[in-house]
Amino acid sequence: MPTALLDFPPPALSILLFPFGLIVGSFANVLIHRLPLEAAEDRNVVTRPSHCPSCHAPLRWHQNIPLLSWLWLRGRCAACGWRIPFRYPLVEVLGGLVAAGSVWVFPFGTLIWWKGLLCGWALLVLFFTDFTEYFLPDAIQFPLMALGILFALPQLFWPETTVRIWTTGNGILVVDRWANGLQPAPLWSLLGEAVSWKTSLIGIVAGYGGPWIFERLYVLVRNAMVKAAGGQAIEAGMGMGDFKMLAWLGAFWGWQAMLFILFGGAALMVAFALPLIILRRAGAQTLLPFGCTLALATFPAVFYGPAMWSWYLGAMR
């Protein structure tokens, strides 16, 4: 194992990973634009080349460089002059920041680093598809449920597996293959046990089934009260995509973290929706992007959820 990898500082790793994150952010823009489209050929992100969403002119390679092309073209299509939304460079930069910041919060090169990186990029796509189209695509969420289970399998079949790494001065360091990285993350702290396959499965079932039952009960009670008052009934309170999002987040981080994400996302949604309702800019029939607030609640729930729960239990004594 090269010694340079062991001694690589997080700022240098961030600089190296940022360009790769820009490329992923560019692909995320393709997913955000195409997955909500109705026609199957328009949703093709594998064989259909990049093109202008307005005039459908194919993009040349130098028009498809993340961030730099948008700056060079001054935010306009070279063929038709269509103004490229600011969302495109924003998503690319956020994709780069997710990659650059991952080595500060997760041990670089470990299983949980890959899990956190994929989770961050997936939440980036889902945030903007829900924000722009009120849509959380199954093409992303179902594979993430399976990945959440797969991430737990190495620790099941090969528990306490260690690897030997050469260090400076010809020393040998023995570390846990799944929980320790070549480069420690300055902000990393392992809270609780690793997510097991059982916890992951419970996260999927509870993430989908729990909110579904709660939503059905809410709709039944709400409609009974509204009908008694002569109002109009509603069919649903949450979208099915929200349930699937909670399911794969439960598979990734366990059912405990999923509950924190659910309540945190609900609290953020109330804080967002309440002023709109007071100002009469939203009502019972207004669609609100709950997936966005779930995405925003994920990071604090995963990292600070156990600490907040311990604080709450201590405050209740």
Protein backbone atom coordinates (compact mmCIF):
# COMPACT_ATOMS: atom_id res chain seq x y z
CA MET A 1 0.00 0.00 0.00
CA PRO A 2 1.57 3.37 -0.97
CA THR A 3 2.63 5.44 2.01
CA ALA A 4 1.40 8.65 0.34
CA LEU A 5 -2.20 7.49 0.61
CA LEU A 6 -1.89 7.01 4.36
CA ASP A 7 -0.49 10.50 4.92
CA PHE A 8 -2.70 12.35 2.42
CA PRO A 9 -4.30 15.34 4.22
CA PRO A 10 -8.04 15.94 3.83
CA PRO A 11 -7.59 19.29 1.98
CA ALA A 12 -5.53 17.57 -0.72
CA LEU A 13 -8.08 14.74 -0.99
CA SER A 14 -10.85 17.33 -1.33
CA ILE A 15 -9.02 19.06 -4.18
CA LEU A 16 -8.56 15.75 -5.99
CA LEU A 17 -12.16 14.61 -5.50
CA PHE A 18 -13.87 17.92 -6.37
CA PRO A 19 -13.47 17.56 -10.19
CA PHE A 20 -14.91 14.02 -10.06
CA GLY A 21 -17.83 15.38 -8.07
CA LEU A 22 -18.39 18.02 -10.77
CA ILE A 23 -18.69 15.24 -13.36
CA VAL A 24 -21.20 13.38 -11.18
CA GLY A 25 -23.09 16.67 -10.70
CA SER A 26 -23.25 17.08 -14.48
CA PHE A 27 -24.76 13.59 -14.79
CA ALA A 28 -27.12 14.44 -11.92
CA ASN A 29 -28.44 17.31 -14.05
CA VAL A 30 -29.24 14.81 -16.81
CA LEU A 31 -31.16 12.65 -14.32
CA ILE A 32 -33.01 15.63 -12.86
CA HIS A 33 -34.12 16.76 -16.32
CA ARG A 34 -34.92 13.43 -17.95
CA LEU A 35 -36.32 11.10 -15.29
CA PRO A 36 -39.53 13.12 -14.72
CA LEU A 37 -40.32 13.10 -18.50
CA GLU A 38 -43.23 10.96 -19.66
CA ALA A 39 -41.87 9.35 -22.85
CA ALA A 40 -39.54 6.39 -22.30
CA GLU A 41 -37.13 7.51 -25.05
CA ASP A 42 -36.83 10.92 -23.39
CA ARG A 43 -35.88 9.28 -20.09
CA ASN A 44 -32.99 7.38 -21.68
CA VAL A 45 -29.80 8.46 -19.89
CA VAL A 46 -27.58 5.65 -21.19
CA THR A 47 -27.46 5.88 -24.98
CA ARG A 48 -29.07 9.22 -25.77
CA PRO A 49 -26.34 11.92 -25.96
CA SER A 50 -26.49 15.23 -24.16
CA HIS A 51 -28.53 17.89 -25.92
CA CYS A 52 -30.16 21.26 -25.35
CA PRO A 53 -33.53 20.84 -23.60
CA SER A 54 -34.97 23.67 -25.71
CA CYS A 55 -33.80 23.09 -29.32
CA HIS A 56 -32.53 19.51 -28.81
CA ALA A 57 -29.24 20.34 -30.55
CA PRO A 58 -26.51 17.85 -29.52
CA LEU A 59 -23.80 19.25 -27.30
CA ARG A 60 -20.18 19.08 -28.41
CA TRP A 61 -17.57 17.87 -25.97
CA HIS A 62 -16.34 21.38 -25.17
CA GLN A 63 -19.93 22.47 -24.46
CA ASN A 64 -20.36 19.71 -21.91
CA ILE A 65 -17.49 20.42 -19.51
CA PRO A 66 -18.94 20.77 -16.00
CA LEU A 67 -19.20 24.37 -14.78
CA LEU A 68 -16.60 25.72 -17.25
CA SER A 69 -18.89 25.33 -20.27
CA TRP A 70 -21.70 27.22 -18.54
CA LEU A 71 -19.31 30.05 -17.71
CA TRP A 72 -17.81 30.08 -21.22
CA LEU A 73 -21.24 30.14 -22.89
CA ARG A 74 -22.44 32.76 -20.39
CA GLY A 75 -25.35 30.58 -19.39
CA ARG A 76 -26.85 30.25 -22.88
CA CYS A 77 -27.18 27.49 -25.48
CA ALA A 78 -24.69 27.95 -28.32
CA ALA A 79 -27.27 26.86 -30.91
CA CYS A 80 -30.50 28.66 -29.97
CA GLY A 81 -29.50 31.09 -27.21
CA TRP A 82 -31.80 29.44 -24.65
CA ARG A 83 -30.92 30.62 -21.16
CA ILE A 84 -29.55 27.67 -19.23
CA PRO A 85 -31.07 27.68 -15.72
CA PHE A 86 -28.72 28.49 -12.86
CA ARG A 87 -29.70 25.13 -11.41
CA TYR A 88 -27.28 23.39 -13.79
CA PRO A 89 -24.03 24.90 -12.50
CA LEU A 90 -25.43 24.86 -8.95
CA VAL A 91 -26.01 21.08 -9.07
CA GLU A 92 -22.54 20.54 -10.56
CA VAL A 93 -20.91 22.56 -7.78
CA LEU A 94 -22.96 20.78 -5.12
CA GLY A 95 -21.91 17.43 -6.60
CA GLY A 96 -18.30 18.54 -6.31
CA LEU A 97 -18.79 19.72 -2.74
CA VAL A 98 -20.37 16.40 -1.74
CA ALA A 99 -17.27 14.58 -3.01
CA ALA A 100 -14.85 17.09 -1.51
CA GLY A 101 -16.60 17.18 1.84
CA SER A 102 -17.04 13.41 2.13
CA VAL A 103 -13.45 12.86 3.32
CA TRP A 104 -14.02 15.23 6.24
CA VAL A 105 -17.02 13.35 7.64
CA PHE A 106 -16.33 9.72 6.57
CA PRO A 107 -13.09 7.70 6.68
CA PHE A 108 -11.75 7.77 3.13
CA GLY A 109 -11.85 4.51 1.16
CA THR A 110 -14.16 2.62 3.52
CA LEU A 111 -17.55 1.06 2.99
CA ILE A 112 -19.29 3.81 4.93
CA TRP A 113 -17.46 6.44 2.86
CA TRP A 114 -18.93 4.96 -0.32
CA LYS A 115 -22.33 4.76 1.38
CA GLY A 116 -22.22 8.41 2.44
CA LEU A 117 -20.99 9.54 -0.98
CA LEU A 118 -23.73 7.70 -2.89
CA CYS A 119 -26.34 8.88 -0.40
CA GLY A 120 -25.27 12.51 -0.83
CA TRP A 121 -25.36 12.36 -4.62
CA ALA A 122 -28.72 10.55 -4.61
CA LEU A 123 -30.24 13.13 -2.26
CA LEU A 124 -28.97 15.86 -4.57
CA VAL A 125 -30.91 14.37 -7.50
CA LEU A 126 -34.04 13.67 -5.47
CA PHE A 127 -34.06 17.13 -3.92
CA PHE A 128 -34.18 18.86 -7.29
CA THR A 129 -36.58 16.44 -8.99
CA ASP A 130 -38.99 16.93 -6.11
CA PHE A 131 -38.38 20.68 -5.95
CA THR A 132 -38.97 21.24 -9.67
CA GLU A 133 -41.44 18.47 -10.60
CA TYR A 134 -42.78 17.08 -7.29
CA PHE A 135 -41.38 13.75 -8.44
CA LEU A 136 -39.15 11.17 -6.74
CA PRO A 137 -38.14 8.65 -9.44
CA ASP A 138 -38.38 4.92 -8.80
CA ALA A 139 -35.42 4.38 -11.13
CA ILE A 140 -33.20 5.79 -8.39
CA GLN A 141 -35.00 4.78 -5.23
CA PHE A 142 -35.53 1.05 -5.82
CA PRO A 143 -31.82 0.37 -6.58
CA LEU A 144 -30.90 2.35 -3.45
CA MET A 145 -33.05 0.02 -1.32
CA ALA A 146 -31.07 -2.95 -2.65
CA LEU A 147 -27.76 -1.12 -2.16
CA GLY A 148 -28.64 -0.39 1.45
CA ILE A 149 -28.90 -4.13 2.10
CA LEU A 150 -25.76 -4.92 0.10
CA PHE A 151 -23.73 -2.41 2.11
CA ALA A 152 -24.47 -4.44 5.26
CA LEU A 153 -23.42 -7.82 3.82
CA PRO A 154 -19.59 -7.55 3.98
CA GLN A 155 -19.74 -7.03 7.74
CA LEU A 156 -22.06 -10.06 7.95
CA PHE A 157 -19.90 -12.50 6.00
CA TRP A 158 -16.47 -11.12 6.92
CA PRO A 159 -16.78 -9.63 10.42
CA GLU A 160 -13.76 -8.08 12.10
CA THR A 161 -11.72 -8.32 8.91
CA THR A 162 -8.47 -6.39 9.15
CA VAL A 163 -5.99 -5.16 6.58
CA ARG A 164 -2.29 -4.34 7.02
CA ILE A 165 -1.09 -0.95 5.75
CA TRP A 166 2.48 0.24 5.42
CA THR A 167 3.09 3.47 7.32
CA THR A 168 5.94 5.95 7.38
CA GLY A 169 9.13 4.56 8.85
CA ASN A 170 8.34 1.07 7.48
CA GLY A 171 5.81 0.47 10.23
CA ILE A 172 2.69 -1.66 9.78
CA LEU A 173 -0.76 -0.51 10.85
CA VAL A 174 -3.58 -3.05 11.29
CA VAL A 175 -7.03 -1.51 10.76
CA ASP A 176 -10.61 -2.67 10.37
CA ARG A 177 -11.30 -3.06 6.66
CA TRP A 178 -14.88 -1.76 6.82
CA ALA A 179 -14.79 0.91 9.53
CA ASN A 180 -11.35 2.52 9.23
CA GLY A 181 -9.86 4.40 6.31
CA LEU A 182 -6.39 5.12 5.05
CA GLN A 183 -7.04 8.77 5.86
CA PRO A 184 -8.97 9.59 9.07
CA ALA A 185 -11.84 12.04 8.69
CA PRO A 186 -11.47 15.05 11.04
CA LEU A 187 -15.22 15.22 11.74
CA TRP A 188 -15.83 11.47 11.88
CA SER A 189 -17.30 9.90 14.97
CA LEU A 190 -18.82 6.41 14.95
CA LEU A 191 -22.02 6.68 16.96
CA GLY A 192 -23.40 3.29 17.89
CA GLU A 193 -22.94 0.02 16.05
CA ALA A 194 -22.68 -0.41 12.30
CA VAL A 195 -25.93 -0.91 10.38
CA SER A 196 -26.60 -4.67 10.21
CA TRP A 197 -28.65 -6.43 7.57
CA LYS A 198 -31.49 -6.86 10.08
CA THR A 199 -31.49 -3.16 10.96
CA SER A 200 -31.37 -2.37 7.25
CA LEU A 201 -34.38 -4.61 6.48
CA ILE A 202 -36.33 -3.14 9.38
CA GLY A 203 -35.46 0.30 8.01
CA ILE A 204 -36.99 -0.57 4.64
CA VAL A 205 -40.18 -2.03 6.11
CA ALA A 206 -40.62 0.69 8.74
CA GLY A 207 -39.61 3.46 6.33
CA TYR A 208 -42.30 2.51 3.86
CA GLY A 209 -44.96 0.89 6.02
CA GLY A 210 -44.95 3.21 9.03
CA PRO A 211 -45.52 6.50 7.18
CA TRP A 212 -48.05 4.78 4.88
CA ILE A 213 -50.18 3.68 7.84
CA PHE A 214 -49.85 7.11 9.47
CA GLU A 215 -50.78 8.86 6.22
CA ARG A 216 -53.86 6.66 5.72
CA LEU A 217 -55.05 7.34 9.27
CA TYR A 218 -54.44 11.07 8.83
CA VAL A 219 -56.44 11.17 5.60
CA LEU A 220 -59.33 9.22 7.13
CA VAL A 221 -59.53 11.43 10.24
CA ARG A 222 -59.03 14.64 8.26
CA ASN A 223 -61.68 13.76 5.69
CA ALA A 224 -64.19 12.79 8.38
CA MET A 225 -63.71 16.17 10.10
CA VAL A 226 -63.82 18.12 6.84
CA LYS A 227 -66.94 16.36 5.56
CA ALA A 228 -68.68 17.05 8.85
CA ALA A 229 -67.89 20.74 8.34
CA GLY A 230 -68.99 20.67 4.69
CA GLY A 231 -65.49 20.90 3.24
CA GLN A 232 -63.73 19.00 0.46
CA ALA A 233 -62.01 15.69 1.09
CA ILE A 234 -58.47 14.88 -0.01
CA GLU A 235 -57.12 11.62 -1.41
CA ALA A 236 -53.59 11.61 0.00
CA GLY A 237 -51.36 13.53 2.35
CA MET A 238 -47.96 12.21 1.29
CA GLY A 239 -46.77 10.88 -2.04
CA MET A 240 -45.71 7.27 -2.54
CA GLY A 241 -42.25 8.54 -3.51
CA ASP A 242 -41.81 9.91 0.01
CA PHE A 243 -42.40 6.43 1.46
CA LYS A 244 -39.82 4.92 -0.90
CA MET A 245 -37.34 7.63 0.02
CA LEU A 246 -37.73 6.84 3.71
CA ALA A 247 -37.39 3.14 2.91
CA TRP A 248 -33.98 3.40 1.22
CA LEU A 249 -32.74 5.88 3.83
CA GLY A 250 -33.76 3.31 6.44
CA ALA A 251 -31.86 0.65 4.49
CA PHE A 252 -28.76 2.85 4.39
CA TRP A 253 -28.70 4.15 7.96
CA GLY A 254 -31.08 1.91 9.94
CA TRP A 255 -34.58 2.40 11.24
CA GLN A 256 -33.50 4.63 14.14
CA ALA A 257 -31.90 7.20 11.84
CA MET A 258 -34.89 6.91 9.50
CA LEU A 259 -37.22 7.98 12.30
CA PHE A 260 -35.04 11.02 13.02
CA ILE A 261 -35.10 11.87 9.30
CA LEU A 262 -38.89 11.52 9.20
CA PHE A 263 -39.52 13.77 12.20
CA GLY A 264 -36.81 16.23 11.15
CA GLY A 265 -38.22 16.45 7.64
CA ALA A 266 -41.73 16.92 9.02
CA ALA A 267 -40.53 19.72 11.31
CA LEU A 268 -38.80 21.49 8.42
CA MET A 269 -41.91 21.11 6.26
CA VAL A 270 -44.09 22.65 8.98
CA ALA A 271 -41.63 25.54 9.31
CA PHE A 272 -41.77 26.03 5.53
CA ALA A 273 -45.52 25.54 5.03
CA LEU A 274 -46.88 27.42 8.06
CA PRO A 275 -45.94 30.92 6.80
CA LEU A 276 -47.43 30.07 3.39
CA ILE A 277 -50.69 28.97 5.00
CA ILE A 278 -50.83 32.09 7.18
CA LEU A 279 -50.24 34.27 4.13
CA ARG A 280 -52.87 32.24 2.24
CA ARG A 281 -50.37 31.18 -0.42
CA ALA A 282 -50.91 27.49 0.32
CA GLY A 283 -53.85 25.36 1.35
CA ALA A 284 -54.90 21.76 1.94
CA GLN A 285 -54.64 20.96 -1.80
CA THR A 286 -51.22 22.59 -2.29
CA LEU A 287 -48.42 20.22 -3.26
CA LEU A 288 -45.34 20.59 -1.06
CA PRO A 289 -41.99 18.89 -1.78
CA PHE A 290 -41.62 16.73 1.34
CA GLY A 291 -38.69 14.92 -0.29
CA CYS A 292 -36.70 18.15 -0.14
CA THR A 293 -37.05 18.49 3.61
CA LEU A 294 -36.28 14.78 4.09
CA ALA A 295 -33.05 15.33 2.15
CA LEU A 296 -32.14 18.35 4.28
CA ALA A 297 -32.85 16.43 7.50
CA THR A 298 -30.69 13.41 6.58
CA PHE A 299 -27.25 14.77 7.47
CA PRO A 300 -28.10 16.09 10.97
CA ALA A 301 -30.20 12.99 11.68
CA VAL A 302 -27.42 10.56 10.78
CA PHE A 303 -24.66 12.41 12.60
CA TYR A 304 -26.42 14.11 15.49
CA GLY A 305 -29.58 12.03 15.95
CA PRO A 306 -28.15 9.79 18.71
CA ALA A 307 -26.66 12.81 20.50
CA MET A 308 -29.98 14.68 20.33
CA TRP A 309 -31.81 11.58 21.61
CA SER A 310 -29.39 11.24 24.54
CA TRP A 311 -29.87 14.91 25.33
CA TYR A 312 -33.64 14.50 25.21
CA LEU A 313 -33.59 11.50 27.55
CA GLY A 314 -31.35 13.41 29.95
CA ALA A 315 -33.64 16.45 29.86
CA MET A 316 -36.70 14.27 30.64
CA ARG A 317 -35.18 12.90 33.85
